[in-house]
Amino acid sequence: YWIGEPYWGKGIASEAARVTVEFAFDILGTA
């Protein structure tokens, strides 16, 4: 991932990572 600098430190990357991890394991079935 990358986030534009004006949006650093606002929890955006953490939330996006959480949603993507859930997608990877729960939808794609990634091991």
PDB file of all heavy atoms in Angstrom:
ATOM      1  N   TYR A   1       0.832  -1.202   0.000  1.00  0.00           N
ATOM      2  CA  TYR A   1       0.000   0.000   0.000  1.00  0.00           C
ATOM      3  C   TYR A   1       0.863   1.246   0.000  1.00  0.00           C
ATOM      4  O   TYR A   1       2.054   1.203   0.304  1.00  0.00           O
ATOM      5  CB  TYR A   1      -0.930   0.025   1.230  1.00  0.00           C
ATOM      6  CG  TYR A   1      -0.192  -0.131   2.534  1.00  0.00           C
ATOM      7  CD1 TYR A   1       0.321   0.966   3.211  1.00  0.00           C
ATOM      8  CD2 TYR A   1       0.008  -1.391   3.078  1.00  0.00           C
ATOM      9  CE1 TYR A   1       1.024   0.813   4.392  1.00  0.00           C
ATOM     10  CE2 TYR A   1       0.712  -1.557   4.257  1.00  0.00           C
ATOM     11  CZ  TYR A   1       1.216  -0.455   4.906  1.00  0.00           C
ATOM     12  OH  TYR A   1       1.921  -0.613   6.068  1.00  0.00           O
ATOM     13  N   TRP A   2       0.248   2.354  -0.360  1.00  0.00           N
ATOM     14  CA  TRP A   2       0.803   3.687  -0.124  1.00  0.00           C
ATOM     15  C   TRP A   2      -0.371   4.640   0.080  1.00  0.00           C
ATOM     16  O   TRP A   2      -1.461   4.430  -0.442  1.00  0.00           O
ATOM     17  CB  TRP A   2       1.743   4.165  -1.234  1.00  0.00           C
ATOM     18  CG  TRP A   2       1.179   4.253  -2.620  1.00  0.00           C
ATOM     19  CD1 TRP A   2       1.361   3.351  -3.637  1.00  0.00           C
ATOM     20  CD2 TRP A   2       0.345   5.293  -3.153  1.00  0.00           C
ATOM     21  NE1 TRP A   2       0.683   3.765  -4.753  1.00  0.00           N
ATOM     22  CE2 TRP A   2       0.049   4.960  -4.487  1.00  0.00           C
ATOM     23  CE3 TRP A   2      -0.188   6.467  -2.634  1.00  0.00           C
ATOM     24  CZ2 TRP A   2      -0.744   5.748  -5.307  1.00  0.00           C
ATOM     25  CZ3 TRP A   2      -0.987   7.267  -3.452  1.00  0.00           C
ATOM     26  CH2 TRP A   2      -1.252   6.903  -4.775  1.00  0.00           C
ATOM     27  N   ILE A   3      -0.126   5.652   0.880  1.00  0.00           N
ATOM     28  CA  ILE A   3      -1.121   6.670   1.196  1.00  0.00           C
ATOM     29  C   ILE A   3      -0.497   8.024   0.861  1.00  0.00           C
ATOM     30  O   ILE A   3       0.680   8.253   1.167  1.00  0.00           O
ATOM     31  CB  ILE A   3      -1.491   6.652   2.706  1.00  0.00           C
ATOM     32  CG1 ILE A   3      -1.964   5.269   3.148  1.00  0.00           C
ATOM     33  CG2 ILE A   3      -2.516   7.736   3.046  1.00  0.00           C
ATOM     34  CD1 ILE A   3      -3.256   4.818   2.569  1.00  0.00           C
ATOM     35  N   GLY A   4      -1.265   8.919   0.263  1.00  0.00           N
ATOM     36  CA  GLY A   4      -0.775  10.268  -0.008  1.00  0.00           C
ATOM     37  C   GLY A   4      -0.391  10.961   1.294  1.00  0.00           C
ATOM     38  O   GLY A   4      -1.074  10.822   2.309  1.00  0.00           O
ATOM     39  N   GLU A   5       0.703  11.705   1.260  1.00  0.00           N
ATOM     40  CA  GLU A   5       1.238  12.302   2.486  1.00  0.00           C
ATOM     41  C   GLU A   5       0.236  13.142   3.288  1.00  0.00           C
ATOM     42  O   GLU A   5       0.250  13.079   4.521  1.00  0.00           O
ATOM     43  CB  GLU A   5       2.493  13.125   2.174  1.00  0.00           C
ATOM     44  CG  GLU A   5       3.183  13.598   3.427  1.00  0.00           C
ATOM     45  CD  GLU A   5       4.501  14.294   3.172  1.00  0.00           C
ATOM     46  OE1 GLU A   5       4.811  14.645   2.008  1.00  0.00           O
ATOM     47  OE2 GLU A   5       5.236  14.505   4.156  1.00  0.00           O
ATOM     48  N   PRO A   6      -0.651  13.913   2.653  1.00  0.00           N
ATOM     49  CA  PRO A   6      -1.592  14.697   3.469  1.00  0.00           C
ATOM     50  C   PRO A   6      -2.511  13.837   4.348  1.00  0.00           C
ATOM     51  O   PRO A   6      -3.157  14.342   5.256  1.00  0.00           O
ATOM     52  CB  PRO A   6      -2.431  15.461   2.432  1.00  0.00           C
ATOM     53  CG  PRO A   6      -1.601  15.470   1.198  1.00  0.00           C
ATOM     54  CD  PRO A   6      -0.794  14.203   1.229  1.00  0.00           C
ATOM     55  N   TYR A   7      -2.558  12.518   4.096  1.00  0.00           N
ATOM     56  CA  TYR A   7      -3.481  11.632   4.794  1.00  0.00           C
ATOM     57  C   TYR A   7      -2.769  10.679   5.761  1.00  0.00           C
ATOM     58  O   TYR A   7      -3.398   9.781   6.317  1.00  0.00           O
ATOM     59  CB  TYR A   7      -4.326  10.856   3.766  1.00  0.00           C
ATOM     60  CG  TYR A   7      -4.883  11.818   2.749  1.00  0.00           C
ATOM     61  CD1 TYR A   7      -4.314  11.943   1.484  1.00  0.00           C
ATOM     62  CD2 TYR A   7      -5.922  12.686   3.094  1.00  0.00           C
ATOM     63  CE1 TYR A   7      -4.774  12.871   0.578  1.00  0.00           C
ATOM     64  CE2 TYR A   7      -6.395  13.627   2.188  1.00  0.00           C
ATOM     65  CZ  TYR A   7      -5.810  13.711   0.938  1.00  0.00           C
ATOM     66  OH  TYR A   7      -6.271  14.648   0.053  1.00  0.00           O
ATOM     67  N   TRP A   8      -1.475  10.890   5.976  1.00  0.00           N
ATOM     68  CA  TRP A   8      -0.725  10.069   6.923  1.00  0.00           C
ATOM     69  C   TRP A   8      -1.199  10.364   8.343  1.00  0.00           C
ATOM     70  O   TRP A   8      -1.589  11.487   8.678  1.00  0.00           O
ATOM     71  CB  TRP A   8       0.763  10.360   6.825  1.00  0.00           C
ATOM     72  CG  TRP A   8       1.413   9.914   5.540  1.00  0.00           C
ATOM     73  CD1 TRP A   8       0.827   9.271   4.495  1.00  0.00           C
ATOM     74  CD2 TRP A   8       2.778  10.107   5.173  1.00  0.00           C
ATOM     75  NE1 TRP A   8       1.746   9.053   3.497  1.00  0.00           N
ATOM     76  CE2 TRP A   8       2.946   9.560   3.883  1.00  0.00           C
ATOM     77  CE3 TRP A   8       3.863  10.697   5.802  1.00  0.00           C
ATOM     78  CZ2 TRP A   8       4.171   9.565   3.232  1.00  0.00           C
ATOM     79  CZ3 TRP A   8       5.078  10.706   5.142  1.00  0.00           C
ATOM     80  CH2 TRP A   8       5.228  10.143   3.877  1.00  0.00           C
ATOM     81  N   GLY A   9      -1.132   9.350   9.202  1.00  0.00           N
ATOM     82  CA  GLY A   9      -1.427   9.526  10.619  1.00  0.00           C
ATOM     83  C   GLY A   9      -2.899   9.697  10.948  1.00  0.00           C
ATOM     84  O   GLY A   9      -3.244  10.121  12.046  1.00  0.00           O
ATOM     85  N   LYS A  10      -3.776   9.327  10.034  1.00  0.00           N
ATOM     86  CA  LYS A  10      -5.215   9.497  10.262  1.00  0.00           C
ATOM     87  C   LYS A  10      -5.944   8.160  10.403  1.00  0.00           C
ATOM     88  O   LYS A  10      -7.169   8.112  10.410  1.00  0.00           O
ATOM     89  CB  LYS A  10      -5.834  10.317   9.129  1.00  0.00           C
ATOM     90  CG  LYS A  10      -5.237  11.725   9.018  1.00  0.00           C
ATOM     91  CD  LYS A  10      -5.900  12.525   7.935  1.00  0.00           C
ATOM     92  CE  LYS A  10      -5.292  13.880   7.707  1.00  0.00           C
ATOM     93  NZ  LYS A  10      -4.951  14.671   8.828  1.00  0.00           N
ATOM     94  N   GLY A  11      -5.188   7.060  10.470  1.00  0.00           N
ATOM     95  CA  GLY A  11      -5.804   5.739  10.620  1.00  0.00           C
ATOM     96  C   GLY A  11      -6.303   5.129   9.320  1.00  0.00           C
ATOM     97  O   GLY A  11      -6.861   4.035   9.322  1.00  0.00           O
ATOM     98  N   ILE A  12      -6.102   5.811   8.216  1.00  0.00           N
ATOM     99  CA  ILE A  12      -6.608   5.323   6.928  1.00  0.00           C
ATOM    100  C   ILE A  12      -5.898   4.040   6.505  1.00  0.00           C
ATOM    101  O   ILE A  12      -6.549   3.062   6.115  1.00  0.00           O
ATOM    102  CB  ILE A  12      -6.482   6.416   5.843  1.00  0.00           C
ATOM    103  CG1 ILE A  12      -7.395   7.594   6.197  1.00  0.00           C
ATOM    104  CG2 ILE A  12      -6.798   5.862   4.456  1.00  0.00           C
ATOM    105  CD1 ILE A  12      -7.166   8.845   5.366  1.00  0.00           C
ATOM    106  N   ALA A  13      -4.582   4.019   6.576  1.00  0.00           N
ATOM    107  CA  ALA A  13      -3.834   2.829   6.157  1.00  0.00           C
ATOM    108  C   ALA A  13      -4.167   1.644   7.049  1.00  0.00           C
ATOM    109  O   ALA A  13      -4.307   0.517   6.570  1.00  0.00           O
ATOM    110  CB  ALA A  13      -2.332   3.109   6.162  1.00  0.00           C
ATOM    111  N   SER A  14      -4.312   1.872   8.353  1.00  0.00           N
ATOM    112  CA  SER A  14      -4.646   0.777   9.271  1.00  0.00           C
ATOM    113  C   SER A  14      -6.008   0.179   8.939  1.00  0.00           C
ATOM    114  O   SER A  14      -6.175  -1.043   8.897  1.00  0.00           O
ATOM    115  CB  SER A  14      -4.644   1.269  10.721  1.00  0.00           C
ATOM    116  OG  SER A  14      -3.348   1.658  11.095  1.00  0.00           O
ATOM    117  N   GLU A  15      -6.993   1.037   8.698  1.00  0.00           N
ATOM    118  CA  GLU A  15      -8.325   0.530   8.365  1.00  0.00           C
ATOM    119  C   GLU A  15      -8.315  -0.178   7.013  1.00  0.00           C
ATOM    120  O   GLU A  15      -8.909  -1.251   6.856  1.00  0.00           O
ATOM    121  CB  GLU A  15      -9.353   1.652   8.358  1.00  0.00           C
ATOM    122  CG  GLU A  15     -10.753   1.129   8.112  1.00  0.00           C
ATOM    123  CD  GLU A  15     -11.844   2.179   8.209  1.00  0.00           C
ATOM    124  OE1 GLU A  15     -11.580   3.299   8.691  1.00  0.00           O
ATOM    125  OE2 GLU A  15     -12.970   1.858   7.790  1.00  0.00           O
ATOM    126  N   ALA A  16      -7.629   0.385   6.038  1.00  0.00           N
ATOM    127  CA  ALA A  16      -7.548  -0.253   4.718  1.00  0.00           C
ATOM    128  C   ALA A  16      -6.851  -1.611   4.824  1.00  0.00           C
ATOM    129  O   ALA A  16      -7.271  -2.585   4.189  1.00  0.00           O
ATOM    130  CB  ALA A  16      -6.810   0.653   3.735  1.00  0.00           C
ATOM    131  N   ALA A  17      -5.803  -1.692   5.642  1.00  0.00           N
ATOM    132  CA  ALA A  17      -5.092  -2.964   5.832  1.00  0.00           C
ATOM    133  C   ALA A  17      -6.012  -3.991   6.489  1.00  0.00           C
ATOM    134  O   ALA A  17      -6.053  -5.156   6.075  1.00  0.00           O
ATOM    135  CB  ALA A  17      -3.834  -2.751   6.665  1.00  0.00           C
ATOM    136  N   ARG A  18      -6.768  -3.587   7.494  1.00  0.00           N
ATOM    137  CA  ARG A  18      -7.692  -4.504   8.173  1.00  0.00           C
ATOM    138  C   ARG A  18      -8.726  -5.057   7.187  1.00  0.00           C
ATOM    139  O   ARG A  18      -8.956  -6.264   7.121  1.00  0.00           O
ATOM    140  CB  ARG A  18      -8.389  -3.797   9.329  1.00  0.00           C
ATOM    141  CG  ARG A  18      -9.358  -4.704  10.101  1.00  0.00           C
ATOM    142  CD  ARG A  18     -10.188  -3.946  11.117  1.00  0.00           C
ATOM    143  NE  ARG A  18     -10.914  -2.810  10.587  1.00  0.00           N
ATOM    144  CZ  ARG A  18     -12.028  -2.875   9.858  1.00  0.00           C
ATOM    145  NH1 ARG A  18     -12.556  -4.046   9.544  1.00  0.00           N
ATOM    146  NH2 ARG A  18     -12.623  -1.773   9.434  1.00  0.00           N
ATOM    147  N   VAL A  19      -9.326  -4.182   6.386  1.00  0.00           N
ATOM    148  CA  VAL A  19     -10.337  -4.602   5.409  1.00  0.00           C
ATOM    149  C   VAL A  19      -9.713  -5.536   4.367  1.00  0.00           C
ATOM    150  O   VAL A  19     -10.312  -6.554   3.989  1.00  0.00           O
ATOM    151  CB  VAL A  19     -10.995  -3.371   4.737  1.00  0.00           C
ATOM    152  CG1 VAL A  19     -11.884  -3.770   3.566  1.00  0.00           C
ATOM    153  CG2 VAL A  19     -11.796  -2.573   5.770  1.00  0.00           C
ATOM    154  N   THR A  20      -8.507  -5.230   3.918  1.00  0.00           N
ATOM    155  CA  THR A  20      -7.839  -6.053   2.905  1.00  0.00           C
ATOM    156  C   THR A  20      -7.451  -7.418   3.461  1.00  0.00           C
ATOM    157  O   THR A  20      -7.583  -8.439   2.772  1.00  0.00           O
ATOM    158  CB  THR A  20      -6.606  -5.314   2.350  1.00  0.00           C
ATOM    159  OG1 THR A  20      -7.036  -4.043   1.836  1.00  0.00           O
ATOM    160  CG2 THR A  20      -5.927  -6.098   1.238  1.00  0.00           C
ATOM    161  N   VAL A  21      -6.987  -7.455   4.697  1.00  0.00           N
ATOM    162  CA  VAL A  21      -6.645  -8.739   5.334  1.00  0.00           C
ATOM    163  C   VAL A  21      -7.898  -9.608   5.449  1.00  0.00           C
ATOM    164  O   VAL A  21      -7.868 -10.808   5.143  1.00  0.00           O
ATOM    165  CB  VAL A  21      -5.980  -8.497   6.716  1.00  0.00           C
ATOM    166  CG1 VAL A  21      -5.971  -9.758   7.559  1.00  0.00           C
ATOM    167  CG2 VAL A  21      -4.561  -7.964   6.526  1.00  0.00           C
ATOM    168  N   GLU A  22      -9.009  -9.013   5.865  1.00  0.00           N
ATOM    169  CA  GLU A  22     -10.265  -9.772   5.957  1.00  0.00           C
ATOM    170  C   GLU A  22     -10.685 -10.298   4.583  1.00  0.00           C
ATOM    171  O   GLU A  22     -11.116 -11.446   4.446  1.00  0.00           O
ATOM    172  CB  GLU A  22     -11.367  -8.903   6.565  1.00  0.00           C
ATOM    173  CG  GLU A  22     -11.146  -8.655   8.045  1.00  0.00           C
ATOM    174  CD  GLU A  22     -12.095  -7.628   8.643  1.00  0.00           C
ATOM    175  OE1 GLU A  22     -12.994  -7.126   7.925  1.00  0.00           O
ATOM    176  OE2 GLU A  22     -11.927  -7.319   9.837  1.00  0.00           O
ATOM    177  N   PHE A  23     -10.551  -9.477   3.550  1.00  0.00           N
ATOM    178  CA  PHE A  23     -10.862  -9.899   2.188  1.00  0.00           C
ATOM    179  C   PHE A  23      -9.976 -11.087   1.785  1.00  0.00           C
ATOM    180  O   PHE A  23     -10.465 -12.084   1.250  1.00  0.00           O
ATOM    181  CB  PHE A  23     -10.671  -8.724   1.223  1.00  0.00           C
ATOM    182  CG  PHE A  23     -10.720  -9.073  -0.232  1.00  0.00           C
ATOM    183  CD1 PHE A  23     -11.915  -9.448  -0.832  1.00  0.00           C
ATOM    184  CD2 PHE A  23      -9.580  -9.016  -1.016  1.00  0.00           C
ATOM    185  CE1 PHE A  23     -11.972  -9.758  -2.187  1.00  0.00           C
ATOM    186  CE2 PHE A  23      -9.618  -9.319  -2.370  1.00  0.00           C
ATOM    187  CZ  PHE A  23     -10.821  -9.700  -2.954  1.00  0.00           C
ATOM    188  N   ALA A  24      -8.685 -10.979   2.064  1.00  0.00           N
ATOM    189  CA  ALA A  24      -7.737 -12.033   1.672  1.00  0.00           C
ATOM    190  C   ALA A  24      -8.092 -13.371   2.305  1.00  0.00           C
ATOM    191  O   ALA A  24      -8.123 -14.403   1.629  1.00  0.00           O
ATOM    192  CB  ALA A  24      -6.315 -11.627   2.045  1.00  0.00           C
ATOM    193  N   PHE A  25      -8.354 -13.362   3.599  1.00  0.00           N
ATOM    194  CA  PHE A  25      -8.620 -14.615   4.298  1.00  0.00           C
ATOM    195  C   PHE A  25     -10.072 -15.078   4.155  1.00  0.00           C
ATOM    196  O   PHE A  25     -10.321 -16.249   3.900  1.00  0.00           O
ATOM    197  CB  PHE A  25      -8.253 -14.493   5.783  1.00  0.00           C
ATOM    198  CG  PHE A  25      -6.768 -14.417   6.018  1.00  0.00           C
ATOM    199  CD1 PHE A  25      -6.218 -13.321   6.646  1.00  0.00           C
ATOM    200  CD2 PHE A  25      -5.930 -15.440   5.618  1.00  0.00           C
ATOM    201  CE1 PHE A  25      -4.835 -13.243   6.866  1.00  0.00           C
ATOM    202  CE2 PHE A  25      -4.555 -15.379   5.823  1.00  0.00           C
ATOM    203  CZ  PHE A  25      -4.011 -14.276   6.443  1.00  0.00           C
ATOM    204  N   ASP A  26     -11.027 -14.173   4.325  1.00  0.00           N
ATOM    205  CA  ASP A  26     -12.433 -14.563   4.380  1.00  0.00           C
ATOM    206  C   ASP A  26     -13.083 -14.736   3.016  1.00  0.00           C
ATOM    207  O   ASP A  26     -14.012 -15.521   2.880  1.00  0.00           O
ATOM    208  CB  ASP A  26     -13.239 -13.549   5.204  1.00  0.00           C
ATOM    209  CG  ASP A  26     -12.728 -13.434   6.644  1.00  0.00           C
ATOM    210  OD1 ASP A  26     -11.966 -14.317   7.095  1.00  0.00           O
ATOM    211  OD2 ASP A  26     -13.080 -12.443   7.314  1.00  0.00           O
ATOM    212  N   ILE A  27     -12.632 -14.010   2.016  1.00  0.00           N
ATOM    213  CA  ILE A  27     -13.239 -14.092   0.679  1.00  0.00           C
ATOM    214  C   ILE A  27     -12.372 -14.899  -0.289  1.00  0.00           C
ATOM    215  O   ILE A  27     -12.842 -15.804  -0.957  1.00  0.00           O
ATOM    216  CB  ILE A  27     -13.506 -12.687   0.083  1.00  0.00           C
ATOM    217  CG1 ILE A  27     -14.343 -11.829   1.034  1.00  0.00           C
ATOM    218  CG2 ILE A  27     -14.152 -12.792  -1.301  1.00  0.00           C
ATOM    219  CD1 ILE A  27     -15.721 -12.339   1.337  1.00  0.00           C
ATOM    220  N   LEU A  28     -11.091 -14.566  -0.348  1.00  0.00           N
ATOM    221  CA  LEU A  28     -10.200 -15.268  -1.282  1.00  0.00           C
ATOM    222  C   LEU A  28      -9.727 -16.623  -0.754  1.00  0.00           C
ATOM    223  O   LEU A  28      -9.261 -17.453  -1.520  1.00  0.00           O
ATOM    224  CB  LEU A  28      -8.983 -14.401  -1.617  1.00  0.00           C
ATOM    225  CG  LEU A  28      -9.241 -13.092  -2.351  1.00  0.00           C
ATOM    226  CD1 LEU A  28      -7.933 -12.360  -2.606  1.00  0.00           C
ATOM    227  CD2 LEU A  28      -9.994 -13.335  -3.662  1.00  0.00           C
ATOM    228  N   GLY A  29      -9.805 -16.828   0.558  1.00  0.00           N
ATOM    229  CA  GLY A  29      -9.347 -18.094   1.133  1.00  0.00           C
ATOM    230  C   GLY A  29      -7.838 -18.237   1.160  1.00  0.00           C
ATOM    231  O   GLY A  29      -7.299 -19.342   1.123  1.00  0.00           O
ATOM    232  N   THR A  30      -7.141 -17.121   1.241  1.00  0.00           N
ATOM    233  CA  THR A  30      -5.682 -17.115   1.293  1.00  0.00           C
ATOM    234  C   THR A  30      -5.203 -17.845   2.545  1.00  0.00           C
ATOM    235  O   THR A  30      -5.791 -17.699   3.616  1.00  0.00           O
ATOM    236  CB  THR A  30      -5.181 -15.648   1.320  1.00  0.00           C
ATOM    237  OG1 THR A  30      -5.649 -14.997   0.140  1.00  0.00           O
ATOM    238  CG2 THR A  30      -3.671 -15.564   1.384  1.00  0.00           C
ATOM    239  N   ALA A  31      -4.132 -18.611   2.422  1.00  0.00           N
ATOM    240  CA  ALA A  31      -3.581 -19.338   3.574  1.00  0.00           C
ATOM    241  C   ALA A  31      -2.573 -18.491   4.354  1.00  0.00           C
ATOM    242  O   ALA A  31      -2.464 -18.608   5.569  1.00  0.00           O
ATOM    243  CB  ALA A  31      -2.901 -20.624   3.097  1.00  0.00           C
TER     244      ALA A  31
END
